[in-house]
């Protein structure tokens, strides 16, 4: 029972996209209601390196992941190749 790798990749891509949307949509809605940019912190003197690293990882997930998803989708559709 071997599966077609492309079907597995598509399934993982859709799962990853759904996971990103499940985390990004609530952040965006919350930021919209507060009228502020999503994940735009103001670090003060009490900020710890661990807290800043956690914010950086969350911001990367929020901002970098959709760019990676778009690149992968374009490559699969053939428009991203030269």
C-alpha atoms as a PDB file:
ATOM      1  CA  UNK A   1       0.000   0.000   0.000  1.00  0.00           C
ATOM      2  CA  UNK A   2       2.283   2.734  -1.199  1.00  0.00           C
ATOM      3  CA  UNK A   3       0.820   6.164  -1.632  1.00  0.00           C
ATOM      4  CA  UNK A   4       1.623   8.562  -4.397  1.00  0.00           C
ATOM      5  CA  UNK A   5       4.172  11.038  -2.922  1.00  0.00           C
ATOM      6  CA  UNK A   6       2.532  13.982  -4.657  1.00  0.00           C
ATOM      7  CA  UNK A   7      -0.800  13.163  -2.981  1.00  0.00           C
ATOM      8  CA  UNK A   8       0.954  12.995   0.375  1.00  0.00           C
ATOM      9  CA  UNK A   9       2.684  16.308  -0.279  1.00  0.00           C
ATOM     10  CA  UNK A  10      -0.602  17.944  -1.253  1.00  0.00           C
ATOM     11  CA  UNK A  11      -2.263  16.569   1.876  1.00  0.00           C
ATOM     12  CA  UNK A  12       0.570  17.877   4.086  1.00  0.00           C
ATOM     13  CA  UNK A  13       0.462  21.241   2.301  1.00  0.00           C
ATOM     14  CA  UNK A  14      -3.274  21.561   2.944  1.00  0.00           C
ATOM     15  CA  UNK A  15      -2.860  20.481   6.574  1.00  0.00           C
ATOM     16  CA  UNK A  16      -0.068  23.016   7.094  1.00  0.00           C
ATOM     17  CA  UNK A  17      -2.149  25.740   5.432  1.00  0.00           C
ATOM     18  CA  UNK A  18      -5.159  24.933   7.619  1.00  0.00           C
ATOM     19  CA  UNK A  19      -2.987  25.013  10.742  1.00  0.00           C
ATOM     20  CA  UNK A  20      -1.557  28.392   9.745  1.00  0.00           C
ATOM     21  CA  UNK A  21      -5.023  29.777   9.045  1.00  0.00           C
ATOM     22  CA  UNK A  22      -6.341  28.467  12.375  1.00  0.00           C
ATOM     23  CA  UNK A  23      -3.671  30.457  14.198  1.00  0.00           C
ATOM     24  CA  UNK A  24      -3.395  33.537  11.964  1.00  0.00           C
ATOM     25  CA  UNK A  25      -7.084  34.367  11.557  1.00  0.00           C
ATOM     26  CA  UNK A  26      -7.743  34.847  15.303  1.00  0.00           C
ATOM     27  CA  UNK A  27      -4.609  37.018  15.628  1.00  0.00           C
ATOM     28  CA  UNK A  28      -5.736  39.153  12.694  1.00  0.00           C
ATOM     29  CA  UNK A  29      -9.301  39.547  14.006  1.00  0.00           C
ATOM     30  CA  UNK A  30      -8.055  40.431  17.487  1.00  0.00           C
ATOM     31  CA  UNK A  31      -5.635  43.007  16.048  1.00  0.00           C
ATOM     32  CA  UNK A  32      -8.393  44.476  13.891  1.00  0.00           C
ATOM     33  CA  UNK A  33     -10.648  44.999  16.918  1.00  0.00           C
ATOM     34  CA  UNK A  34      -7.810  46.609  18.868  1.00  0.00           C
ATOM     35  CA  UNK A  35      -6.867  48.760  15.845  1.00  0.00           C
ATOM     36  CA  UNK A  36      -3.187  47.827  15.934  1.00  0.00           C
ATOM     37  CA  UNK A  37      -0.744  46.006  13.700  1.00  0.00           C
ATOM     38  CA  UNK A  38      -0.626  42.260  14.345  1.00  0.00           C
ATOM     39  CA  UNK A  39       2.330  41.136  16.432  1.00  0.00           C
ATOM     40  CA  UNK A  40       3.956  44.571  16.702  1.00  0.00           C
ATOM     41  CA  UNK A  41       5.322  44.598  20.258  1.00  0.00           C
ATOM     42  CA  UNK A  42       6.896  47.261  22.357  1.00  0.00           C
ATOM     43  CA  UNK A  43       9.719  45.701  24.345  1.00  0.00           C
ATOM     44  CA  UNK A  44      10.581  47.340  27.645  1.00  0.00           C
ATOM     45  CA  UNK A  45      13.366  46.854  30.180  1.00  0.00           C
ATOM     46  CA  UNK A  46      11.578  43.872  31.736  1.00  0.00           C
ATOM     47  CA  UNK A  47      11.584  41.881  28.489  1.00  0.00           C
ATOM     48  CA  UNK A  48      13.589  38.679  28.655  1.00  0.00           C
ATOM     49  CA  UNK A  49      15.571  37.104  25.824  1.00  0.00           C
ATOM     50  CA  UNK A  50      13.279  34.073  26.047  1.00  0.00           C
ATOM     51  CA  UNK A  51      10.193  36.256  25.647  1.00  0.00           C
ATOM     52  CA  UNK A  52      11.691  38.088  22.686  1.00  0.00           C
ATOM     53  CA  UNK A  53      12.658  34.757  21.088  1.00  0.00           C
ATOM     54  CA  UNK A  54       9.121  33.458  21.583  1.00  0.00           C
ATOM     55  CA  UNK A  55       7.726  36.603  19.975  1.00  0.00           C
ATOM     56  CA  UNK A  56      10.177  36.246  17.065  1.00  0.00           C
ATOM     57  CA  UNK A  57       9.128  32.629  16.465  1.00  0.00           C
ATOM     58  CA  UNK A  58       5.445  33.563  16.581  1.00  0.00           C
ATOM     59  CA  UNK A  59       5.954  36.525  14.260  1.00  0.00           C
ATOM     60  CA  UNK A  60       7.914  34.351  11.830  1.00  0.00           C
ATOM     61  CA  UNK A  61       5.068  31.817  11.837  1.00  0.00           C
ATOM     62  CA  UNK A  62       2.559  34.620  11.209  1.00  0.00           C
ATOM     63  CA  UNK A  63       4.482  36.577   8.545  1.00  0.00           C
ATOM     64  CA  UNK A  64       6.915  34.148   6.863  1.00  0.00           C
ATOM     65  CA  UNK A  65       4.717  31.046   6.578  1.00  0.00           C
ATOM     66  CA  UNK A  66       2.237  32.494   4.057  1.00  0.00           C
ATOM     67  CA  UNK A  67       5.134  33.577   1.840  1.00  0.00           C
ATOM     68  CA  UNK A  68       6.543  30.046   1.925  1.00  0.00           C
ATOM     69  CA  UNK A  69       3.107  28.574   1.204  1.00  0.00           C
ATOM     70  CA  UNK A  70       2.658  30.859  -1.811  1.00  0.00           C
ATOM     71  CA  UNK A  71       6.114  29.926  -3.157  1.00  0.00           C
ATOM     72  CA  UNK A  72       5.389  26.210  -2.799  1.00  0.00           C
ATOM     73  CA  UNK A  73       1.954  26.550  -4.419  1.00  0.00           C
ATOM     74  CA  UNK A  74       3.404  28.466  -7.381  1.00  0.00           C
ATOM     75  CA  UNK A  75       6.147  25.910  -7.903  1.00  0.00           C
ATOM     76  CA  UNK A  76       3.603  23.111  -7.899  1.00  0.00           C
ATOM     77  CA  UNK A  77       1.431  24.921 -10.406  1.00  0.00           C
ATOM     78  CA  UNK A  78       4.408  25.504 -12.705  1.00  0.00           C
ATOM     79  CA  UNK A  79       4.299  29.314 -12.689  1.00  0.00           C
ATOM     80  CA  UNK A  80       7.310  29.676 -10.395  1.00  0.00           C
ATOM     81  CA  UNK A  81       9.746  27.813 -12.624  1.00  0.00           C
ATOM     82  CA  UNK A  82      11.865  29.475 -15.254  1.00  0.00           C
END
